[in-house]
Protein backbone atom coordinates (compact mmCIF):
# COMPACT_ATOMS: atom_id res chain seq x y z
CA UNK A 1 0.00 0.00 0.00
CA UNK A 2 1.29 3.47 -0.88
CA UNK A 3 -0.10 7.01 -1.00
CA UNK A 4 -1.55 8.04 -4.34
CA UNK A 5 0.66 11.15 -4.25
CA UNK A 6 3.72 8.90 -4.71
CA UNK A 7 2.49 7.25 -7.92
CA UNK A 8 3.97 8.45 -11.20
CA UNK A 9 1.94 9.51 -14.25
CA UNK A 10 0.49 6.46 -15.98
CA UNK A 11 0.47 4.46 -12.75
CA UNK A 12 -2.45 3.79 -10.50
CA UNK A 13 -4.38 1.04 -8.85
CA UNK A 14 -7.39 0.31 -6.75
CA UNK A 15 -8.12 2.52 -3.78
CA UNK A 16 -7.64 0.47 -0.61
CA UNK A 17 -8.18 3.09 2.07
CA UNK A 18 -8.82 6.81 2.56
CA UNK A 19 -7.27 8.27 5.71
CA UNK A 20 -7.74 11.53 7.58
CA UNK A 21 -10.39 13.28 9.61
CA UNK A 22 -14.07 12.70 8.92
CA UNK A 23 -14.52 15.91 6.93
CA UNK A 24 -11.56 15.06 4.67
CA UNK A 25 -12.78 11.50 4.08
CA UNK A 26 -16.31 12.72 3.32
CA UNK A 27 -15.00 15.32 0.85
CA UNK A 28 -12.90 12.71 -0.96
CA UNK A 29 -15.81 10.25 -0.97
CA UNK A 30 -18.01 12.91 -2.59
CA UNK A 31 -15.40 13.18 -5.36
CA UNK A 32 -15.51 9.39 -5.88
CA UNK A 33 -12.48 8.35 -3.85
CA UNK A 34 -13.86 5.27 -2.09
CA UNK A 35 -12.32 1.87 -1.39
CA UNK A 36 -12.44 -0.50 -4.34
CA UNK A 37 -12.52 2.25 -6.99
CA UNK A 38 -9.79 2.15 -9.68
CA UNK A 39 -7.76 5.35 -10.12
CA UNK A 40 -4.94 6.41 -12.46
CA UNK A 41 -2.47 9.30 -12.21
CA UNK A 42 -2.65 11.39 -15.40
CA UNK A 43 -0.09 14.08 -14.52
CA UNK A 44 1.66 15.94 -11.72
CA UNK A 45 1.70 19.72 -12.08
CA UNK A 46 2.76 22.48 -9.66
CA UNK A 47 1.97 20.65 -6.44
CA UNK A 48 -1.20 19.06 -7.77
CA UNK A 49 -1.97 15.54 -8.94
CA UNK A 50 -4.38 15.09 -11.84
CA UNK A 51 -6.25 11.80 -11.59
CA UNK A 52 -8.64 9.80 -13.72
CA UNK A 53 -11.41 8.26 -11.62
CA UNK A 54 -14.81 7.03 -12.80
CA UNK A 55 -14.10 8.38 -16.29
CA UNK A 56 -13.51 11.91 -14.97
CA UNK A 57 -10.35 13.93 -14.40
CA UNK A 58 -9.96 15.34 -10.91
CA UNK A 59 -7.11 17.48 -9.55
CA UNK A 60 -6.08 17.11 -5.91
CA UNK A 61 -3.29 18.86 -4.08
CA UNK A 62 -0.53 16.57 -2.85
CA UNK A 63 -1.76 16.70 0.77
CA UNK A 64 -5.17 15.30 -0.21
CA UNK A 65 -3.65 12.80 -2.63
CA UNK A 66 -1.44 11.54 0.22
CA UNK A 67 -4.62 10.58 2.12
CA UNK A 68 -5.66 8.10 -0.60
CA UNK A 69 -3.89 4.73 -0.33
CA UNK A 70 -3.58 2.40 -3.31
PDB file of N, CA and C in Angstrom:
ATOM      1  N   UNK A   1       0.844  -1.174   0.000  1.00  0.00           N
ATOM      2  CA  UNK A   1       0.000   0.000   0.000  1.00  0.00           C
ATOM      3  C   UNK A   1       0.895   1.244   0.000  1.00  0.00           C
ATOM      4  N   UNK A   2       0.528   2.221  -0.841  1.00  0.00           N
ATOM      5  CA  UNK A   2       1.290   3.469  -0.884  1.00  0.00           C
ATOM      6  C   UNK A   2       0.341   4.635  -1.138  1.00  0.00           C
ATOM      7  N   UNK A   3       0.737   5.836  -0.741  1.00  0.00           N
ATOM      8  CA  UNK A   3      -0.105   7.006  -0.999  1.00  0.00           C
ATOM      9  C   UNK A   3      -0.189   7.292  -2.496  1.00  0.00           C
ATOM     10  N   UNK A   4      -1.332   7.719  -2.934  1.00  0.00           N
ATOM     11  CA  UNK A   4      -1.554   8.045  -4.340  1.00  0.00           C
ATOM     12  C   UNK A   4      -0.619   9.155  -4.806  1.00  0.00           C
ATOM     13  N   UNK A   5      -0.237  10.040  -3.909  1.00  0.00           N
ATOM     14  CA  UNK A   5       0.659  11.148  -4.249  1.00  0.00           C
ATOM     15  C   UNK A   5       2.034  10.657  -4.700  1.00  0.00           C
ATOM     16  N   UNK A   6       2.416   9.440  -4.343  1.00  0.00           N
ATOM     17  CA  UNK A   6       3.723   8.903  -4.707  1.00  0.00           C
ATOM     18  C   UNK A   6       3.722   8.198  -6.060  1.00  0.00           C
ATOM     19  N   UNK A   7       2.561   7.930  -6.622  1.00  0.00           N
ATOM     20  CA  UNK A   7       2.486   7.249  -7.916  1.00  0.00           C
ATOM     21  C   UNK A   7       2.900   8.205  -9.025  1.00  0.00           C
ATOM     22  N   UNK A   8       3.535   7.667 -10.054  1.00  0.00           N
ATOM     23  CA  UNK A   8       3.972   8.449 -11.200  1.00  0.00           C
ATOM     24  C   UNK A   8       2.879   8.491 -12.265  1.00  0.00           C
ATOM     25  N   UNK A   9       2.932   9.462 -13.165  1.00  0.00           N
ATOM     26  CA  UNK A   9       1.945   9.514 -14.249  1.00  0.00           C
ATOM     27  C   UNK A   9       1.899   8.196 -15.026  1.00  0.00           C
ATOM     28  N   UNK A  10       0.695   7.741 -15.303  1.00  0.00           N
ATOM     29  CA  UNK A  10       0.488   6.462 -15.979  1.00  0.00           C
ATOM     30  C   UNK A  10       0.276   5.312 -15.013  1.00  0.00           C
ATOM     31  N   UNK A  11       0.650   5.495 -13.763  1.00  0.00           N
ATOM     32  CA  UNK A  11       0.471   4.458 -12.752  1.00  0.00           C
ATOM     33  C   UNK A  11      -0.849   4.675 -12.020  1.00  0.00           C
ATOM     34  N   UNK A  12      -1.234   3.692 -11.292  1.00  0.00           N
ATOM     35  CA  UNK A  12      -2.451   3.791 -10.502  1.00  0.00           C
ATOM     36  C   UNK A  12      -2.748   2.453  -9.865  1.00  0.00           C
ATOM     37  N   UNK A  13      -3.968   2.277  -9.482  1.00  0.00           N
ATOM     38  CA  UNK A  13      -4.378   1.041  -8.850  1.00  0.00           C
ATOM     39  C   UNK A  13      -5.770   1.190  -8.287  1.00  0.00           C
ATOM     40  N   UNK A  14      -6.088   0.286  -7.408  1.00  0.00           N
ATOM     41  CA  UNK A  14      -7.386   0.307  -6.747  1.00  0.00           C
ATOM     42  C   UNK A  14      -7.239   0.967  -5.388  1.00  0.00           C
ATOM     43  N   UNK A  15      -8.154   1.851  -5.072  1.00  0.00           N
ATOM     44  CA  UNK A  15      -8.120   2.522  -3.776  1.00  0.00           C
ATOM     45  C   UNK A  15      -8.393   1.490  -2.688  1.00  0.00           C
ATOM     46  N   UNK A  16      -7.493   1.425  -1.719  1.00  0.00           N
ATOM     47  CA  UNK A  16      -7.640   0.473  -0.612  1.00  0.00           C
ATOM     48  C   UNK A  16      -8.188   1.144   0.641  1.00  0.00           C
ATOM     49  N   UNK A  17      -7.795   2.405   0.839  1.00  0.00           N
ATOM     50  CA  UNK A  17      -8.178   3.091   2.069  1.00  0.00           C
ATOM     51  C   UNK A  17      -8.057   4.596   1.871  1.00  0.00           C
ATOM     52  N   UNK A  18      -8.922   5.346   2.536  1.00  0.00           N
ATOM     53  CA  UNK A  18      -8.824   6.805   2.559  1.00  0.00           C
ATOM     54  C   UNK A  18      -8.661   7.199   4.019  1.00  0.00           C
ATOM     55  N   UNK A  19      -7.575   7.916   4.321  1.00  0.00           N
ATOM     56  CA  UNK A  19      -7.272   8.270   5.709  1.00  0.00           C
ATOM     57  C   UNK A  19      -7.576   9.737   5.956  1.00  0.00           C
ATOM     58  N   UNK A  20      -7.522  10.133   7.208  1.00  0.00           N
ATOM     59  CA  UNK A  20      -7.738  11.527   7.580  1.00  0.00           C
ATOM     60  C   UNK A  20      -8.949  11.700   8.464  1.00  0.00           C
ATOM     61  N   UNK A  21      -9.233  12.954   8.780  1.00  0.00           N
ATOM     62  CA  UNK A  21     -10.389  13.277   9.612  1.00  0.00           C
ATOM     63  C   UNK A  21     -11.671  13.038   8.831  1.00  0.00           C
ATOM     64  N   UNK A  22     -12.775  12.991   9.538  1.00  0.00           N
ATOM     65  CA  UNK A  22     -14.066  12.699   8.920  1.00  0.00           C
ATOM     66  C   UNK A  22     -14.402  13.653   7.787  1.00  0.00           C
ATOM     67  N   UNK A  23     -14.168  14.952   7.980  1.00  0.00           N
ATOM     68  CA  UNK A  23     -14.525  15.906   6.925  1.00  0.00           C
ATOM     69  C   UNK A  23     -13.687  15.708   5.671  1.00  0.00           C
ATOM     70  N   UNK A  24     -12.429  15.323   5.824  1.00  0.00           N
ATOM     71  CA  UNK A  24     -11.561  15.060   4.670  1.00  0.00           C
ATOM     72  C   UNK A  24     -12.030  13.810   3.939  1.00  0.00           C
ATOM     73  N   UNK A  25     -12.318  12.749   4.693  1.00  0.00           N
ATOM     74  CA  UNK A  25     -12.778  11.503   4.080  1.00  0.00           C
ATOM     75  C   UNK A  25     -14.117  11.680   3.372  1.00  0.00           C
ATOM     76  N   UNK A  26     -15.015  12.464   3.955  1.00  0.00           N
ATOM     77  CA  UNK A  26     -16.310  12.719   3.319  1.00  0.00           C
ATOM     78  C   UNK A  26     -16.148  13.533   2.038  1.00  0.00           C
ATOM     79  N   UNK A  27     -15.254  14.516   2.046  1.00  0.00           N
ATOM     80  CA  UNK A  27     -14.999  15.316   0.848  1.00  0.00           C
ATOM     81  C   UNK A  27     -14.445  14.434  -0.279  1.00  0.00           C
ATOM     82  N   UNK A  28     -13.472  13.585   0.053  1.00  0.00           N
ATOM     83  CA  UNK A  28     -12.897  12.706  -0.957  1.00  0.00           C
ATOM     84  C   UNK A  28     -13.920  11.682  -1.454  1.00  0.00           C
ATOM     85  N   UNK A  29     -14.762  11.193  -0.559  1.00  0.00           N
ATOM     86  CA  UNK A  29     -15.811  10.245  -0.969  1.00  0.00           C
ATOM     87  C   UNK A  29     -16.793  10.905  -1.925  1.00  0.00           C
ATOM     88  N   UNK A  30     -17.103  12.179  -1.697  1.00  0.00           N
ATOM     89  CA  UNK A  30     -18.011  12.906  -2.588  1.00  0.00           C
ATOM     90  C   UNK A  30     -17.411  13.066  -3.980  1.00  0.00           C
ATOM     91  N   UNK A  31     -16.078  13.085  -4.067  1.00  0.00           N
ATOM     92  CA  UNK A  31     -15.401  13.176  -5.355  1.00  0.00           C
ATOM     93  C   UNK A  31     -15.231  11.809  -6.020  1.00  0.00           C
ATOM     94  N   UNK A  32     -15.600  10.739  -5.313  1.00  0.00           N
ATOM     95  CA  UNK A  32     -15.515   9.393  -5.878  1.00  0.00           C
ATOM     96  C   UNK A  32     -14.377   8.554  -5.349  1.00  0.00           C
ATOM     97  N   UNK A  33     -13.613   9.081  -4.406  1.00  0.00           N
ATOM     98  CA  UNK A  33     -12.477   8.352  -3.854  1.00  0.00           C
ATOM     99  C   UNK A  33     -12.938   7.458  -2.707  1.00  0.00           C
ATOM    100  N   UNK A  34     -13.387   6.253  -3.064  1.00  0.00           N
ATOM    101  CA  UNK A  34     -13.860   5.272  -2.087  1.00  0.00           C
ATOM    102  C   UNK A  34     -13.113   3.961  -2.318  1.00  0.00           C
ATOM    103  N   UNK A  35     -13.022   3.150  -1.294  1.00  0.00           N
ATOM    104  CA  UNK A  35     -12.318   1.869  -1.386  1.00  0.00           C
ATOM    105  C   UNK A  35     -12.918   1.010  -2.495  1.00  0.00           C
ATOM    106  N   UNK A  36     -12.027   0.372  -3.256  1.00  0.00           N
ATOM    107  CA  UNK A  36     -12.443  -0.501  -4.338  1.00  0.00           C
ATOM    108  C   UNK A  36     -12.533   0.173  -5.693  1.00  0.00           C
ATOM    109  N   UNK A  37     -12.392   1.488  -5.734  1.00  0.00           N
ATOM    110  CA  UNK A  37     -12.518   2.249  -6.987  1.00  0.00           C
ATOM    111  C   UNK A  37     -11.156   2.327  -7.678  1.00  0.00           C
ATOM    112  N   UNK A  38     -11.061   1.997  -8.978  1.00  0.00           N
ATOM    113  CA  UNK A  38      -9.786   2.151  -9.684  1.00  0.00           C
ATOM    114  C   UNK A  38      -9.483   3.622  -9.965  1.00  0.00           C
ATOM    115  N   UNK A  39      -8.203   3.974  -9.893  1.00  0.00           N
ATOM    116  CA  UNK A  39      -7.765   5.354 -10.116  1.00  0.00           C
ATOM    117  C   UNK A  39      -6.411   5.329 -10.829  1.00  0.00           C
ATOM    118  N   UNK A  40      -6.191   6.313 -11.718  1.00  0.00           N
ATOM    119  CA  UNK A  40      -4.940   6.411 -12.462  1.00  0.00           C
ATOM    120  C   UNK A  40      -4.417   7.840 -12.375  1.00  0.00           C
ATOM    121  N   UNK A  41      -3.094   7.983 -12.208  1.00  0.00           N
ATOM    122  CA  UNK A  41      -2.466   9.304 -12.206  1.00  0.00           C
ATOM    123  C   UNK A  41      -2.259   9.723 -13.660  1.00  0.00           C
ATOM    124  N   UNK A  42      -2.806  10.868 -14.039  1.00  0.00           N
ATOM    125  CA  UNK A  42      -2.654  11.390 -15.395  1.00  0.00           C
ATOM    126  C   UNK A  42      -1.411  12.268 -15.479  1.00  0.00           C
ATOM    127  N   UNK A  43      -1.238  13.169 -14.509  1.00  0.00           N
ATOM    128  CA  UNK A  43      -0.089  14.083 -14.525  1.00  0.00           C
ATOM    129  C   UNK A  43       0.133  14.653 -13.133  1.00  0.00           C
ATOM    130  N   UNK A  44       1.328  15.208 -12.940  1.00  0.00           N
ATOM    131  CA  UNK A  44       1.662  15.944 -11.720  1.00  0.00           C
ATOM    132  C   UNK A  44       2.112  17.323 -12.153  1.00  0.00           C
ATOM    133  N   UNK A  45       1.400  18.352 -11.679  1.00  0.00           N
ATOM    134  CA  UNK A  45       1.697  19.724 -12.078  1.00  0.00           C
ATOM    135  C   UNK A  45       1.662  20.650 -10.870  1.00  0.00           C
ATOM    136  N   UNK A  46       2.713  21.393 -10.652  1.00  0.00           N
ATOM    137  CA  UNK A  46       2.759  22.475  -9.665  1.00  0.00           C
ATOM    138  C   UNK A  46       2.121  22.131  -8.321  1.00  0.00           C
ATOM    139  N   UNK A  47       2.500  21.021  -7.752  1.00  0.00           N
ATOM    140  CA  UNK A  47       1.973  20.655  -6.441  1.00  0.00           C
ATOM    141  C   UNK A  47       0.621  19.995  -6.461  1.00  0.00           C
ATOM    142  N   UNK A  48       0.088  19.726  -7.642  1.00  0.00           N
ATOM    143  CA  UNK A  48      -1.201  19.056  -7.767  1.00  0.00           C
ATOM    144  C   UNK A  48      -1.027  17.733  -8.501  1.00  0.00           C
ATOM    145  N   UNK A  49      -1.957  16.827  -8.261  1.00  0.00           N
ATOM    146  CA  UNK A  49      -1.966  15.538  -8.937  1.00  0.00           C
ATOM    147  C   UNK A  49      -3.277  15.455  -9.712  1.00  0.00           C
ATOM    148  N   UNK A  50      -3.189  15.233 -11.015  1.00  0.00           N
ATOM    149  CA  UNK A  50      -4.381  15.092 -11.842  1.00  0.00           C
ATOM    150  C   UNK A  50      -4.654  13.605 -11.997  1.00  0.00           C
ATOM    151  N   UNK A  51      -5.876  13.215 -11.650  1.00  0.00           N
ATOM    152  CA  UNK A  51      -6.248  11.804 -11.592  1.00  0.00           C
ATOM    153  C   UNK A  51      -7.422  11.515 -12.505  1.00  0.00           C
ATOM    154  N   UNK A  52      -7.488  10.276 -12.957  1.00  0.00           N
ATOM    155  CA  UNK A  52      -8.637   9.800 -13.720  1.00  0.00           C
ATOM    156  C   UNK A  52      -9.367   8.797 -12.829  1.00  0.00           C
ATOM    157  N   UNK A  53     -10.604   9.131 -12.468  1.00  0.00           N
ATOM    158  CA  UNK A  53     -11.411   8.264 -11.623  1.00  0.00           C
ATOM    159  C   UNK A  53     -12.847   8.314 -12.122  1.00  0.00           C
ATOM    160  N   UNK A  54     -13.440   7.157 -12.297  1.00  0.00           N
ATOM    161  CA  UNK A  54     -14.809   7.034 -12.804  1.00  0.00           C
ATOM    162  C   UNK A  54     -15.006   7.768 -14.128  1.00  0.00           C
ATOM    163  N   UNK A  55     -13.993   7.743 -14.988  1.00  0.00           N
ATOM    164  CA  UNK A  55     -14.100   8.376 -16.290  1.00  0.00           C
ATOM    165  C   UNK A  55     -14.007   9.894 -16.264  1.00  0.00           C
ATOM    166  N   UNK A  56     -13.612  10.462 -15.132  1.00  0.00           N
ATOM    167  CA  UNK A  56     -13.514  11.906 -14.971  1.00  0.00           C
ATOM    168  C   UNK A  56     -12.107  12.268 -14.509  1.00  0.00           C
ATOM    169  N   UNK A  57     -11.643  13.441 -14.885  1.00  0.00           N
ATOM    170  CA  UNK A  57     -10.351  13.928 -14.395  1.00  0.00           C
ATOM    171  C   UNK A  57     -10.584  14.849 -13.211  1.00  0.00           C
ATOM    172  N   UNK A  58      -9.839  14.579 -12.151  1.00  0.00           N
ATOM    173  CA  UNK A  58      -9.959  15.343 -10.911  1.00  0.00           C
ATOM    174  C   UNK A  58      -8.558  15.757 -10.494  1.00  0.00           C
ATOM    175  N   UNK A  59      -8.402  16.993 -10.056  1.00  0.00           N
ATOM    176  CA  UNK A  59      -7.114  17.476  -9.548  1.00  0.00           C
ATOM    177  C   UNK A  59      -7.186  17.589  -8.031  1.00  0.00           C
ATOM    178  N   UNK A  60      -6.198  17.021  -7.372  1.00  0.00           N
ATOM    179  CA  UNK A  60      -6.079  17.112  -5.911  1.00  0.00           C
ATOM    180  C   UNK A  60      -4.709  17.687  -5.593  1.00  0.00           C
ATOM    181  N   UNK A  61      -4.619  18.452  -4.497  1.00  0.00           N
ATOM    182  CA  UNK A  61      -3.288  18.859  -4.077  1.00  0.00           C
ATOM    183  C   UNK A  61      -2.599  17.651  -3.443  1.00  0.00           C
ATOM    184  N   UNK A  62      -1.292  17.734  -3.310  1.00  0.00           N
ATOM    185  CA  UNK A  62      -0.529  16.571  -2.848  1.00  0.00           C
ATOM    186  C   UNK A  62      -0.923  16.130  -1.445  1.00  0.00           C
ATOM    187  N   UNK A  63      -1.354  17.068  -0.597  1.00  0.00           N
ATOM    188  CA  UNK A  63      -1.762  16.700   0.767  1.00  0.00           C
ATOM    189  C   UNK A  63      -2.990  15.799   0.742  1.00  0.00           C
ATOM    190  N   UNK A  64      -3.965  16.134  -0.103  1.00  0.00           N
ATOM    191  CA  UNK A  64      -5.173  15.299  -0.206  1.00  0.00           C
ATOM    192  C   UNK A  64      -4.837  13.974  -0.889  1.00  0.00           C
ATOM    193  N   UNK A  65      -4.012  14.023  -1.930  1.00  0.00           N
ATOM    194  CA  UNK A  65      -3.647  12.797  -2.631  1.00  0.00           C
ATOM    195  C   UNK A  65      -2.883  11.839  -1.718  1.00  0.00           C
ATOM    196  N   UNK A  66      -2.180  12.377  -0.734  1.00  0.00           N
ATOM    197  CA  UNK A  66      -1.441  11.536   0.216  1.00  0.00           C
ATOM    198  C   UNK A  66      -2.394  10.800   1.155  1.00  0.00           C
ATOM    199  N   UNK A  67      -3.630  11.235   1.262  1.00  0.00           N
ATOM    200  CA  UNK A  67      -4.622  10.580   2.120  1.00  0.00           C
ATOM    201  C   UNK A  67      -5.254   9.353   1.464  1.00  0.00           C
ATOM    202  N   UNK A  68      -5.072   9.221   0.144  1.00  0.00           N
ATOM    203  CA  UNK A  68      -5.659   8.097  -0.602  1.00  0.00           C
ATOM    204  C   UNK A  68      -4.593   7.027  -0.773  1.00  0.00           C
ATOM    205  N   UNK A  69      -4.853   5.843  -0.261  1.00  0.00           N
ATOM    206  CA  UNK A  69      -3.895   4.727  -0.334  1.00  0.00           C
ATOM    207  C   UNK A  69      -4.311   3.750  -1.428  1.00  0.00           C
ATOM    208  N   UNK A  70      -3.316   3.393  -2.267  1.00  0.00           N
ATOM    209  CA  UNK A  70      -3.579   2.403  -3.314  1.00  0.00           C
ATOM    210  C   UNK A  70      -2.708   1.189  -3.096  1.00  0.00           C
TER     211      UNK A  70
END
